[in-house]
C-alpha atoms as a PDB file:
ATOM      1  CA  MET A   1      32.765  48.824 -18.734  1.00  0.00           C
ATOM      2  CA  ASN A   2      31.375  50.611 -21.815  1.00  0.00           C
ATOM      3  CA  PRO A   3      27.968  52.382 -21.210  1.00  0.00           C
ATOM      4  CA  ALA A   4      25.366  51.023 -23.058  1.00  0.00           C
ATOM      5  CA  PRO A   5      23.888  52.987 -25.943  1.00  0.00           C
ATOM      6  CA  ARG A   6      21.427  55.804 -25.261  1.00  0.00           C
ATOM      7  CA  PRO A   7      18.250  55.256 -27.302  1.00  0.00           C
ATOM      8  CA  GLY A   8      17.784  57.855 -30.196  1.00  0.00           C
ATOM      9  CA  GLY A   9      15.108  59.110 -32.593  1.00  0.00           C
ATOM     10  CA  GLY A  10      11.462  58.293 -31.264  1.00  0.00           C
ATOM     11  CA  ALA A  11      12.852  56.084 -28.537  1.00  0.00           C
ATOM     12  CA  GLY A  12      15.028  57.988 -26.993  1.00  0.00           C
ATOM     13  CA  ALA A  13      11.612  60.533 -26.677  1.00  0.00           C
ATOM     14  CA  ARG A  14      10.097  57.671 -25.346  1.00  0.00           C
ATOM     15  CA  HIS A  15      12.733  56.695 -22.865  1.00  0.00           C
ATOM     16  CA  ARG A  16      12.884  60.581 -21.688  1.00  0.00           C
ATOM     17  CA  LEU A  17       8.976  60.269 -21.259  1.00  0.00           C
ATOM     18  CA  LEU A  18       8.959  57.573 -19.536  1.00  0.00           C
ATOM     19  CA  GLY A  19      11.525  58.583 -16.942  1.00  0.00           C
ATOM     20  CA  ALA A  20       9.769  61.660 -16.384  1.00  0.00           C
ATOM     21  CA  LEU A  21       6.485  59.776 -15.719  1.00  0.00           C
ATOM     22  CA  LEU A  22       7.912  57.902 -13.154  1.00  0.00           C
ATOM     23  CA  ALA A  23       9.832  60.368 -11.370  1.00  0.00           C
ATOM     24  CA  ALA A  24       6.239  62.788 -11.396  1.00  0.00           C
ATOM     25  CA  VAL A  25       4.268  59.464 -10.281  1.00  0.00           C
ATOM     26  CA  ALA A  26       7.076  58.941  -7.102  1.00  0.00           C
ATOM     27  CA  CYS A  27       6.994  62.715  -6.214  1.00  0.00           C
ATOM     28  CA  CYS A  28       3.269  62.529  -5.975  1.00  0.00           C
ATOM     29  CA  LEU A  29       3.134  59.428  -4.109  1.00  0.00           C
ATOM     30  CA  VAL A  30       5.152  61.530  -1.200  1.00  0.00           C
ATOM     31  CA  GLY A  31       2.920  64.406  -1.164  1.00  0.00           C
ATOM     32  CA  ALA A  32      -0.386  62.515  -0.533  1.00  0.00           C
ATOM     33  CA  SER A  33       1.903  60.710   1.928  1.00  0.00           C
ATOM     34  CA  PHE A  34       1.475  63.821   4.179  1.00  0.00           C
ATOM     35  CA  THR A  35      -1.988  62.395   5.367  1.00  0.00           C
ATOM     36  CA  ALA A  36      -0.510  59.122   6.614  1.00  0.00           C
ATOM     37  CA  ASN A  37       2.202  61.147   8.489  1.00  0.00           C
ATOM     38  CA  SER A  38      -0.836  63.114  10.426  1.00  0.00           C
ATOM     39  CA  VAL A  39      -1.763  60.314  11.655  1.00  0.00           C
ATOM     40  CA  LEU A  40       1.528  59.162  13.379  1.00  0.00           C
ATOM     41  CA  GLY A  41       2.357  62.431  14.976  1.00  0.00           C
ATOM     42  CA  ASP A  42       1.537  60.520  18.630  1.00  0.00           C
ATOM     43  CA  TYR A  43       3.831  57.451  17.495  1.00  0.00           C
ATOM     44  CA  PRO A  44       7.395  57.811  18.507  1.00  0.00           C
ATOM     45  CA  HIS A  45       9.029  59.370  15.751  1.00  0.00           C
ATOM     46  CA  ALA A  46      12.506  57.029  14.960  1.00  0.00           C
ATOM     47  CA  GLY A  47      10.776  53.834  16.113  1.00  0.00           C
ATOM     48  CA  GLY A  48       8.534  54.325  13.217  1.00  0.00           C
ATOM     49  CA  GLN A  49      10.997  55.138  10.832  1.00  0.00           C
ATOM     50  CA  ALA A  50      12.662  51.765  11.599  1.00  0.00           C
ATOM     51  CA  LEU A  51       9.285  49.727  10.981  1.00  0.00           C
ATOM     52  CA  ARG A  52       8.532  51.860   7.995  1.00  0.00           C
ATOM     53  CA  TYR A  53      12.135  51.315   6.279  1.00  0.00           C
ATOM     54  CA  GLY A  54      12.426  47.839   8.030  1.00  0.00           C
ATOM     55  CA  LEU A  55       9.406  46.389   6.128  1.00  0.00           C
ATOM     56  CA  ALA A  56      10.162  48.110   3.332  1.00  0.00           C
ATOM     57  CA  CYS A  57      13.323  46.321   2.485  1.00  0.00           C
ATOM     58  CA  ALA A  58      11.736  43.088   3.863  1.00  0.00           C
ATOM     59  CA  LEU A  59       9.505  43.682   0.948  1.00  0.00           C
ATOM     60  CA  LEU A  60      12.355  45.137  -1.726  1.00  0.00           C
ATOM     61  CA  LEU A  61      14.880  42.330  -1.012  1.00  0.00           C
ATOM     62  CA  PRO A  62      12.951  39.460  -2.750  1.00  0.00           C
ATOM     63  CA  LEU A  63      12.479  42.162  -5.941  1.00  0.00           C
ATOM     64  CA  ALA A  64      15.718  42.932  -6.450  1.00  0.00           C
ATOM     65  CA  GLY A  65      17.002  39.703  -7.849  1.00  0.00           C
ATOM     66  CA  TRP A  66      14.059  40.256 -10.922  1.00  0.00           C
ATOM     67  CA  ARG A  67      15.971  40.677 -14.348  1.00  0.00           C
ATOM     68  CA  GLY A  68      13.782  41.888 -16.326  1.00  0.00           C
ATOM     69  CA  ARG A  69      13.042  40.917 -19.716  1.00  0.00           C
ATOM     70  CA  ALA A  70      16.831  41.149 -21.270  1.00  0.00           C
ATOM     71  CA  GLY A  71      18.466  37.413 -20.799  1.00  0.00           C
ATOM     72  CA  ARG A  72      22.045  36.556 -20.354  1.00  0.00           C
ATOM     73  CA  GLY A  73      24.473  38.399 -22.788  1.00  0.00           C
ATOM     74  CA  GLY A  74      22.295  40.463 -23.945  1.00  0.00           C
ATOM     75  CA  ARG A  75      19.934  38.135 -25.913  1.00  0.00           C
ATOM     76  CA  ALA A  76      16.145  38.534 -24.975  1.00  0.00           C
ATOM     77  CA  GLY A  77      14.550  36.876 -22.478  1.00  0.00           C
ATOM     78  CA  ARG A  78      11.177  36.286 -20.896  1.00  0.00           C
ATOM     79  CA  GLY A  79      12.391  37.583 -17.472  1.00  0.00           C
ATOM     80  CA  GLY A  80      12.472  35.870 -14.467  1.00  0.00           C
ATOM     81  CA  TRP A  81      14.624  35.841 -11.014  1.00  0.00           C
ATOM     82  CA  GLY A  82      17.897  35.804 -10.223  1.00  0.00           C
ATOM     83  CA  SER A  83      19.648  33.986  -7.712  1.00  0.00           C
ATOM     84  CA  ASP A  84      20.529  35.318  -3.745  1.00  0.00           C
ATOM     85  CA  GLY A  85      23.862  34.846  -4.962  1.00  0.00           C
ATOM     86  CA  GLN A  86      23.993  37.427  -8.060  1.00  0.00           C
ATOM     87  CA  VAL A  87      22.349  39.919  -5.372  1.00  0.00           C
ATOM     88  CA  VAL A  88      25.035  38.781  -2.797  1.00  0.00           C
ATOM     89  CA  GLY A  89      27.461  39.067  -5.587  1.00  0.00           C
ATOM     90  CA  ARG A  90      26.510  42.604  -6.636  1.00  0.00           C
ATOM     91  CA  LEU A  91      26.878  44.189  -3.121  1.00  0.00           C
ATOM     92  CA  ARG A  92      30.548  42.393  -2.539  1.00  0.00           C
ATOM     93  CA  LYS A  93      31.373  44.080  -5.448  1.00  0.00           C
ATOM     94  CA  LEU A  94      30.828  47.308  -3.891  1.00  0.00           C
ATOM     95  CA  THR A  95      34.103  49.353  -2.606  1.00  0.00           C
ATOM     96  CA  GLY A  96      33.953  50.659   0.977  1.00  0.00           C
ATOM     97  CA  ARG A  97      33.581  54.316  -0.103  1.00  0.00           C
ATOM     98  CA  GLN A  98      30.721  53.192  -2.242  1.00  0.00           C
ATOM     99  CA  TRP A  99      29.264  51.827   1.479  1.00  0.00           C
ATOM    100  CA  ALA A 100      29.999  55.022   2.777  1.00  0.00           C
ATOM    101  CA  ARG A 101      27.604  56.832   0.357  1.00  0.00           C
ATOM    102  CA  LEU A 102      24.820  54.149   0.629  1.00  0.00           C
ATOM    103  CA  ALA A 103      25.089  54.822   4.707  1.00  0.00           C
ATOM    104  CA  GLY A 104      25.247  58.384   3.696  1.00  0.00           C
ATOM    105  CA  LEU A 105      22.299  58.251   1.342  1.00  0.00           C
ATOM    106  CA  ALA A 106      20.226  56.738   4.695  1.00  0.00           C
ATOM    107  CA  ALA A 107      21.548  58.838   7.081  1.00  0.00           C
ATOM    108  CA  VAL A 108      21.132  61.949   5.356  1.00  0.00           C
ATOM    109  CA  GLY A 109      18.536  62.019   2.910  1.00  0.00           C
ATOM    110  CA  MET A 110      16.234  59.345   4.684  1.00  0.00           C
ATOM    111  CA  VAL A 111      16.385  59.593   8.311  1.00  0.00           C
ATOM    112  CA  GLY A 112      17.994  62.839   8.795  1.00  0.00           C
ATOM    113  CA  PHE A 113      15.890  64.592   6.541  1.00  0.00           C
ATOM    114  CA  ASN A 114      12.934  63.090   8.127  1.00  0.00           C
ATOM    115  CA  LEU A 115      14.496  64.315  11.613  1.00  0.00           C
ATOM    116  CA  ALA A 116      15.036  68.101  10.340  1.00  0.00           C
ATOM    117  CA  VAL A 117      11.225  68.315   8.936  1.00  0.00           C
ATOM    118  CA  LEU A 118       9.984  66.903  12.309  1.00  0.00           C
ATOM    119  CA  ALA A 119      12.630  69.330  14.250  1.00  0.00           C
ATOM    120  CA  ALA A 120      11.806  72.094  11.933  1.00  0.00           C
ATOM    121  CA  GLU A 121       7.862  71.782  12.788  1.00  0.00           C
ATOM    122  CA  GLY A 122       8.755  72.302  16.109  1.00  0.00           C
ATOM    123  CA  SER A 123       9.335  75.733  16.008  1.00  0.00           C
ATOM    124  CA  ALA A 124       8.267  76.923  12.498  1.00  0.00           C
ATOM    125  CA  GLU A 125       4.661  76.377  10.385  1.00  0.00           C
ATOM    126  CA  PRO A 126       5.313  73.514   8.079  1.00  0.00           C
ATOM    127  CA  ALA A 127       5.351  75.790   5.377  1.00  0.00           C
ATOM    128  CA  VAL A 128       8.784  76.879   6.024  1.00  0.00           C
ATOM    129  CA  PRO A 129      10.590  73.853   5.424  1.00  0.00           C
ATOM    130  CA  GLY A 130       8.346  73.097   2.648  1.00  0.00           C
ATOM    131  CA  VAL A 131       9.454  76.027   0.740  1.00  0.00           C
ATOM    132  CA  PHE A 132      13.644  75.429   1.870  1.00  0.00           C
ATOM    133  CA  VAL A 133      12.825  71.836   0.670  1.00  0.00           C
ATOM    134  CA  GLY A 134      11.174  73.275  -2.478  1.00  0.00           C
ATOM    135  CA  CYS A 135      14.732  74.764  -3.684  1.00  0.00           C
ATOM    136  CA  ALA A 136      16.115  71.329  -4.015  1.00  0.00           C
ATOM    137  CA  PRO A 137      15.922  71.394  -7.665  1.00  0.00           C
ATOM    138  CA  VAL A 138      17.953  74.880  -7.779  1.00  0.00           C
ATOM    139  CA  VAL A 139      20.843  73.254  -5.408  1.00  0.00           C
ATOM    140  CA  VAL A 140      20.852  70.061  -7.616  1.00  0.00           C
ATOM    141  CA  ALA A 141      20.609  71.667 -11.104  1.00  0.00           C
ATOM    142  CA  VAL A 142      24.193  73.222 -10.393  1.00  0.00           C
ATOM    143  CA  ILE A 143      25.893  70.674  -7.733  1.00  0.00           C
ATOM    144  CA  VAL A 144      25.301  67.522 -10.061  1.00  0.00           C
ATOM    145  CA  PRO A 145      27.100  68.756 -13.304  1.00  0.00           C
ATOM    146  CA  ALA A 146      29.690  70.537 -10.985  1.00  0.00           C
ATOM    147  CA  LEU A 147      30.752  67.081  -9.533  1.00  0.00           C
ATOM    148  CA  ASP A 148      30.514  66.061 -13.144  1.00  0.00           C
ATOM    149  CA  GLY A 149      32.881  68.653 -14.480  1.00  0.00           C
ATOM    150  CA  ARG A 150      30.378  70.539 -16.250  1.00  0.00           C
ATOM    151  CA  ARG A 151      28.242  73.714 -16.663  1.00  0.00           C
ATOM    152  CA  PRO A 152      24.522  73.652 -15.568  1.00  0.00           C
ATOM    153  CA  ALA A 153      22.249  73.840 -18.359  1.00  0.00           C
ATOM    154  CA  PRO A 154      20.432  77.020 -18.733  1.00  0.00           C
ATOM    155  CA  ALA A 155      17.092  75.248 -19.308  1.00  0.00           C
ATOM    156  CA  VAL A 156      17.529  73.043 -16.123  1.00  0.00           C
ATOM    157  CA  VAL A 157      18.421  76.092 -13.838  1.00  0.00           C
ATOM    158  CA  ALA A 158      15.812  78.143 -15.311  1.00  0.00           C
ATOM    159  CA  GLY A 159      13.126  75.241 -14.699  1.00  0.00           C
ATOM    160  CA  ALA A 160      14.253  74.819 -11.148  1.00  0.00           C
ATOM    161  CA  LEU A 161      13.975  78.195 -10.505  1.00  0.00           C
ATOM    162  CA  SER A 162      10.203  78.230 -11.719  1.00  0.00           C
ATOM    163  CA  VAL A 163       9.421  74.753  -9.605  1.00  0.00           C
ATOM    164  CA  ALA A 164      10.917  76.794  -6.069  1.00  0.00           C
ATOM    165  CA  VAL A 165       8.856  79.525  -7.174  1.00  0.00           C
ATOM    166  CA  GLY A 166       6.144  77.583  -7.918  1.00  0.00           C
ATOM    167  CA  ALA A 167       6.408  75.160  -4.506  1.00  0.00           C
ATOM    168  CA  PHE A 168       6.845  78.937  -2.336  1.00  0.00           C
ATOM    169  CA  VAL A 169       3.062  79.959  -4.010  1.00  0.00           C
ATOM    170  CA  VAL A 170       1.717  76.898  -3.074  1.00  0.00           C
ATOM    171  CA  GLN A 171       2.745  76.677   0.359  1.00  0.00           C
ATOM    172  CA  GLY A 172       3.201  80.520   1.335  1.00  0.00           C
ATOM    173  CA  TRP A 173       5.547  81.410   4.394  1.00  0.00           C
ATOM    174  CA  GLY A 174       5.023  81.061   7.963  1.00  0.00           C
ATOM    175  CA  ARG A 175       6.037  81.956  11.604  1.00  0.00           C
ATOM    176  CA  THR A 176       9.583  80.666  12.430  1.00  0.00           C
ATOM    177  CA  ASP A 177      12.454  81.319  14.299  1.00  0.00           C
ATOM    178  CA  THR A 178      16.535  80.512  13.940  1.00  0.00           C
ATOM    179  CA  ALA A 179      15.984  76.966  14.905  1.00  0.00           C
ATOM    180  CA  GLY A 180      13.570  76.436  12.361  1.00  0.00           C
ATOM    181  CA  LEU A 181      15.370  78.018   9.678  1.00  0.00           C
ATOM    182  CA  LEU A 182      18.613  75.750  10.747  1.00  0.00           C
ATOM    183  CA  TRP A 183      16.732  72.792  11.018  1.00  0.00           C
ATOM    184  CA  SER A 184      14.832  73.496   7.777  1.00  0.00           C
ATOM    185  CA  ALA A 185      17.797  74.261   5.819  1.00  0.00           C
ATOM    186  CA  ALA A 186      19.181  70.755   7.382  1.00  0.00           C
ATOM    187  CA  ALA A 187      16.092  69.452   5.538  1.00  0.00           C
ATOM    188  CA  LEU A 188      17.031  71.094   1.997  1.00  0.00           C
ATOM    189  CA  GLY A 189      20.722  69.175   2.475  1.00  0.00           C
ATOM    190  CA  GLY A 190      18.712  65.965   3.401  1.00  0.00           C
ATOM    191  CA  GLU A 191      16.408  66.168   0.049  1.00  0.00           C
ATOM    192  CA  VAL A 192      19.432  67.147  -1.949  1.00  0.00           C
ATOM    193  CA  GLY A 193      21.719  64.492  -0.573  1.00  0.00           C
ATOM    194  CA  PHE A 194      18.608  61.696  -1.603  1.00  0.00           C
ATOM    195  CA  ALA A 195      19.649  62.976  -5.081  1.00  0.00           C
ATOM    196  CA  VAL A 196      23.099  63.192  -5.410  1.00  0.00           C
ATOM    197  CA  LEU A 197      24.225  60.445  -2.946  1.00  0.00           C
ATOM    198  CA  ALA A 198      22.483  57.651  -4.873  1.00  0.00           C
ATOM    199  CA  VAL A 199      23.941  58.450  -8.265  1.00  0.00           C
ATOM    200  CA  PRO A 200      27.168  57.015  -7.971  1.00  0.00           C
ATOM    201  CA  VAL A 201      25.791  53.440  -6.643  1.00  0.00           C
ATOM    202  CA  LEU A 202      22.724  53.483  -8.597  1.00  0.00           C
ATOM    203  CA  ARG A 203      24.646  52.400 -11.789  1.00  0.00           C
ATOM    204  CA  PRO A 204      25.831  49.214 -10.236  1.00  0.00           C
ATOM    205  CA  LEU A 205      22.853  48.234  -8.059  1.00  0.00           C
ATOM    206  CA  GLY A 206      19.887  49.385  -9.939  1.00  0.00           C
ATOM    207  CA  PRO A 207      16.700  51.039  -8.385  1.00  0.00           C
ATOM    208  CA  ARG A 208      15.607  47.847  -6.730  1.00  0.00           C
ATOM    209  CA  LEU A 209      18.574  46.637  -4.879  1.00  0.00           C
ATOM    210  CA  LEU A 210      20.074  50.297  -4.213  1.00  0.00           C
ATOM    211  CA  SER A 211      16.064  50.943  -2.810  1.00  0.00           C
ATOM    212  CA  ALA A 212      16.357  47.829  -0.386  1.00  0.00           C
ATOM    213  CA  VAL A 213      19.871  48.310   0.719  1.00  0.00           C
ATOM    214  CA  ALA A 214      19.663  51.964   1.577  1.00  0.00           C
ATOM    215  CA  CYS A 215      15.827  50.781   3.471  1.00  0.00           C
ATOM    216  CA  GLY A 216      18.057  48.373   5.183  1.00  0.00           C
ATOM    217  CA  LEU A 217      20.769  50.681   6.394  1.00  0.00           C
ATOM    218  CA  ALA A 218      17.809  53.431   7.376  1.00  0.00           C
ATOM    219  CA  ALA A 219      16.154  50.976   9.406  1.00  0.00           C
ATOM    220  CA  VAL A 220      19.234  50.225  11.742  1.00  0.00           C
ATOM    221  CA  GLU A 221      20.428  53.637  11.670  1.00  0.00           C
ATOM    222  CA  SER A 222      16.856  54.657  13.141  1.00  0.00           C
ATOM    223  CA  ALA A 223      16.508  52.046  15.390  1.00  0.00           C
ATOM    224  CA  LEU A 224      20.052  53.355  17.176  1.00  0.00           C
ATOM    225  CA  LEU A 225      18.530  57.165  16.971  1.00  0.00           C
ATOM    226  CA  GLY A 226      15.856  55.733  18.491  1.00  0.00           C
ATOM    227  CA  LEU A 227      17.342  53.937  21.553  1.00  0.00           C
ATOM    228  CA  VAL A 228      19.728  56.872  21.873  1.00  0.00           C
ATOM    229  CA  LEU A 229      16.836  59.971  22.203  1.00  0.00           C
ATOM    230  CA  ASP A 230      13.563  57.605  23.240  1.00  0.00           C
ATOM    231  CA  GLY A 231      15.381  54.805  25.133  1.00  0.00           C
ATOM    232  CA  ARG A 232      13.400  52.093  25.708  1.00  0.00           C
ATOM    233  CA  GLY A 233      10.104  54.129  24.705  1.00  0.00           C
ATOM    234  CA  TRP A 234      11.472  53.822  21.150  1.00  0.00           C
ATOM    235  CA  LEU A 235       9.382  51.423  19.725  1.00  0.00           C
ATOM    236  CA  ARG A 236       5.615  50.143  20.751  1.00  0.00           C
ATOM    237  CA  ALA A 237       2.910  48.231  19.267  1.00  0.00           C
ATOM    238  CA  PRO A 238       0.845  50.798  16.665  1.00  0.00           C
ATOM    239  CA  ASP A 239      -2.587  51.075  17.138  1.00  0.00           C
ATOM    240  CA  GLY A 240      -5.056  50.254  13.881  1.00  0.00           C
ATOM    241  CA  GLY A 241      -4.881  53.756  12.194  1.00  0.00           C
ATOM    242  CA  GLU A 242      -1.041  53.681  12.836  1.00  0.00           C
ATOM    243  CA  ALA A 243      -0.569  50.622  11.416  1.00  0.00           C
ATOM    244  CA  VAL A 244      -2.256  51.332   8.062  1.00  0.00           C
ATOM    245  CA  ALA A 245      -0.557  54.544   7.936  1.00  0.00           C
ATOM    246  CA  LEU A 246       2.877  52.696   8.456  1.00  0.00           C
ATOM    247  CA  LEU A 247       2.297  50.037   6.364  1.00  0.00           C
ATOM    248  CA  TRP A 248       1.244  53.077   3.401  1.00  0.00           C
ATOM    249  CA  GLN A 249       4.229  54.575   3.926  1.00  0.00           C
ATOM    250  CA  ALA A 250       6.402  51.297   3.893  1.00  0.00           C
ATOM    251  CA  ALA A 251       4.510  49.374   0.433  1.00  0.00           C
ATOM    252  CA  VAL A 252       3.633  52.378  -1.621  1.00  0.00           C
ATOM    253  CA  VAL A 253       5.369  55.590  -0.461  1.00  0.00           C
ATOM    254  CA  THR A 254       8.884  53.870  -0.059  1.00  0.00           C
ATOM    255  CA  VAL A 255       8.653  50.576  -2.004  1.00  0.00           C
ATOM    256  CA  VAL A 256       6.954  51.811  -5.027  1.00  0.00           C
ATOM    257  CA  GLY A 257       7.919  55.491  -4.750  1.00  0.00           C
ATOM    258  CA  PHE A 258      11.301  54.575  -4.243  1.00  0.00           C
ATOM    259  CA  VAL A 259      11.796  52.274  -7.286  1.00  0.00           C
ATOM    260  CA  LEU A 260      10.289  54.326  -9.988  1.00  0.00           C
ATOM    261  CA  TRP A 261      12.407  57.648  -8.432  1.00  0.00           C
ATOM    262  CA  TYR A 262      15.381  56.154  -9.362  1.00  0.00           C
ATOM    263  CA  VAL A 263      14.215  54.575 -12.859  1.00  0.00           C
ATOM    264  CA  GLY A 264      13.399  58.108 -13.214  1.00  0.00           C
ATOM    265  CA  VAL A 265      16.867  59.178 -12.115  1.00  0.00           C
ATOM    266  CA  GLN A 266      18.430  56.728 -14.606  1.00  0.00           C
ATOM    267  CA  ARG A 267      16.266  57.704 -17.505  1.00  0.00           C
ATOM    268  CA  ILE A 268      16.736  61.547 -17.201  1.00  0.00           C
ATOM    269  CA  GLY A 269      19.806  62.086 -14.793  1.00  0.00           C
ATOM    270  CA  ALA A 270      19.363  63.609 -11.219  1.00  0.00           C
ATOM    271  CA  GLU A 271      19.104  67.275 -11.967  1.00  0.00           C
ATOM    272  CA  ARG A 272      16.145  66.736 -14.135  1.00  0.00           C
ATOM    273  CA  ALA A 273      14.342  64.251 -11.913  1.00  0.00           C
ATOM    274  CA  THR A 274      14.915  66.116  -8.958  1.00  0.00           C
ATOM    275  CA  LEU A 275      12.665  69.054 -10.709  1.00  0.00           C
ATOM    276  CA  PHE A 276       9.119  66.896 -10.176  1.00  0.00           C
ATOM    277  CA  SER A 277       9.956  67.175  -6.714  1.00  0.00           C
ATOM    278  CA  GLY A 278       7.871  70.144  -6.616  1.00  0.00           C
ATOM    279  CA  LEU A 279       4.876  68.390  -7.155  1.00  0.00           C
ATOM    280  CA  ILE A 280       5.145  66.975  -3.574  1.00  0.00           C
ATOM    281  CA  PRO A 281       3.708  70.439  -2.034  1.00  0.00           C
ATOM    282  CA  VAL A 282       1.241  70.542  -4.858  1.00  0.00           C
ATOM    283  CA  SER A 283       0.125  66.812  -4.626  1.00  0.00           C
ATOM    284  CA  ALA A 284      -0.031  67.624  -0.722  1.00  0.00           C
ATOM    285  CA  ALA A 285      -2.012  70.596  -1.670  1.00  0.00           C
ATOM    286  CA  ALA A 286      -4.276  68.724  -3.961  1.00  0.00           C
ATOM    287  CA  THR A 287      -5.124  66.050  -1.712  1.00  0.00           C
ATOM    288  CA  ALA A 288      -5.512  68.144   1.698  1.00  0.00           C
ATOM    289  CA  PRO A 289      -9.076  68.893   0.953  1.00  0.00           C
ATOM    290  CA  LEU A 290      -9.998  65.578   0.623  1.00  0.00           C
ATOM    291  CA  VAL A 291      -9.633  64.988   4.482  1.00  0.00           C
ATOM    292  CA  GLY A 292     -10.319  68.542   5.571  1.00  0.00           C
ATOM    293  CA  THR A 293      -6.887  69.435   6.732  1.00  0.00           C
ATOM    294  CA  GLY A 294      -6.815  72.403   4.101  1.00  0.00           C
ATOM    295  CA  GLY A 295      -7.834  74.281   0.775  1.00  0.00           C
ATOM    296  CA  TYR A 296      -6.784  74.520  -2.620  1.00  0.00           C
ATOM    297  CA  GLY A 297      -7.423  77.637  -3.768  1.00  0.00           C
ATOM    298  CA  THR A 298      -6.398  80.678  -6.141  1.00  0.00           C
ATOM    299  CA  ALA A 299      -2.912  80.741  -5.016  1.00  0.00           C
ATOM    300  CA  GLN A 300      -2.172  77.176  -4.746  1.00  0.00           C
ATOM    301  CA  ALA A 301      -3.429  76.882  -8.497  1.00  0.00           C
ATOM    302  CA  ALA A 302      -1.045  79.625  -9.733  1.00  0.00           C
ATOM    303  CA  GLY A 303       1.842  77.571  -7.816  1.00  0.00           C
ATOM    304  CA  SER A 304       0.906  74.792  -9.602  1.00  0.00           C
ATOM    305  CA  LEU A 305       0.925  75.946 -13.071  1.00  0.00           C
ATOM    306  CA  LEU A 306       4.558  77.291 -12.393  1.00  0.00           C
ATOM    307  CA  VAL A 307       5.543  74.138 -11.034  1.00  0.00           C
ATOM    308  CA  ALA A 308       4.175  72.938 -14.166  1.00  0.00           C
ATOM    309  CA  LEU A 309       6.030  75.092 -16.145  1.00  0.00           C
ATOM    310  CA  GLY A 310       9.193  74.541 -14.677  1.00  0.00           C
ATOM    311  CA  VAL A 311       9.195  70.831 -15.074  1.00  0.00           C
ATOM    312  CA  ALA A 312       8.451  71.279 -18.929  1.00  0.00           C
ATOM    313  CA  LEU A 313      11.219  73.441 -19.572  1.00  0.00           C
ATOM    314  CA  GLY A 314      13.281  71.486 -17.420  1.00  0.00           C
ATOM    315  CA  SER A 315      13.202  68.414 -17.841  1.00  0.00           C
ATOM    316  CA  GLY A 316      13.599  68.245 -21.884  1.00  0.00           C
ATOM    317  CA  VAL A 317      10.706  65.746 -21.966  1.00  0.00           C
ATOM    318  CA  LEU A 318       8.902  67.986 -24.601  1.00  0.00           C
ATOM    319  CA  GLY A 319      11.893  68.797 -26.736  1.00  0.00           C
ATOM    320  CA  GLY A 320      15.057  67.130 -28.256  1.00  0.00           C
ATOM    321  CA  ALA A 321      17.298  68.204 -25.385  1.00  0.00           C
ATOM    322  CA  SER A 322      19.952  65.768 -24.580  1.00  0.00           C
ATOM    323  CA  VAL A 323      19.883  63.858 -21.358  1.00  0.00           C
ATOM    324  CA  ARG A 324      22.735  63.461 -18.755  1.00  0.00           C
ATOM    325  CA  LEU A 325      22.292  59.380 -17.485  1.00  0.00           C
ATOM    326  CA  PRO A 326      24.311  58.311 -14.292  1.00  0.00           C
ATOM    327  CA  GLY A 327      27.748  57.630 -15.199  1.00  0.00           C
ATOM    328  CA  ARG A 328      27.734  59.262 -18.551  1.00  0.00           C
ATOM    329  CA  GLY A 329      28.036  62.522 -20.463  1.00  0.00           C
ATOM    330  CA  THR A 330      25.522  64.661 -21.616  1.00  0.00           C
ATOM    331  CA  ARG A 331      25.634  63.285 -25.186  1.00  0.00           C
ATOM    332  CA  GLY A 332      26.913  59.486 -24.465  1.00  0.00           C
ATOM    333  CA  ARG A 333      30.279  60.200 -23.550  1.00  0.00           C
ATOM    334  CA  PRO A 334      31.664  58.270 -20.572  1.00  0.00           C
ATOM    335  CA  ALA A 335      31.361  60.945 -17.799  1.00  0.00           C
ATOM    336  CA  PRO A 336      33.805  61.232 -14.990  1.00  0.00           C
ATOM    337  CA  ARG A 337      33.754  58.083 -12.484  1.00  0.00           C
ATOM    338  CA  ARG A 338      32.446  59.183  -8.956  1.00  0.00           C
ATOM    339  CA  SER A 339      32.663  56.481  -5.933  1.00  0.00           C
END
């Protein structure tokens, strides 16, 4: 199957700008969700993740069949719902290696990431894993081009370095030990995996179905993990505040955030979309004063400016830099397939 034509000229600029905006909104939603995380401090971790991802999967599956505005054969259409058979057919076409990638995406980028952050915060201050995760744009800016057999884009790498430094300035550093550093490094691996592992399956599934399948797998993996680690206490009925927090995480952060994120990755590529993860600590710092869990001072403002500079430099939305889309070379040539 030949790749679809890449938008050019003014349409290409709007295409990139919309992708960047969607990635930015997704990361801001994640940053603002830290308040909900604080409410769930006493809730069983694995059980909470199973509820969150299970509910998100249930909400996403009906959306997975939406065809958008294009009709069959590329003719203009008014959009509508595809049949369940079409969704099942797309899943049946996946290879065993692609299913393994989806399971890895759920295990590493979702369940594993959350577990690593929780474990890191057990022996380190929250800023430590935050700083490590803030380095994800640098890692992705190098790994994704390497997997495609091309050199990293200098502007993207420079932007990623600025984002990483800005995230460090926003969060600062904190007390830690060896275990905290190791778990923080594991959290960085989870953040990188969330972006990189999804790229080969994003094109055949699309953002909605990819998000639904990943959430379903993450719910099962979380439930199994909870049974192993917590036994019968892995799940309990949430109280009012916990229920609201879980619903927010499932419906807004996961359903809306994941779909917006993967649409952004489709439009501007994984290495540029990951630049916007620097907005996560910025959003968390900006919303912290609203609930009395922190302040937004000079350091946070300076770090936010560095993040903004890095995003503007590396994303290409302010200029005519070519943008790599999944499954396609930098200038529209087919890229090596990965599965």
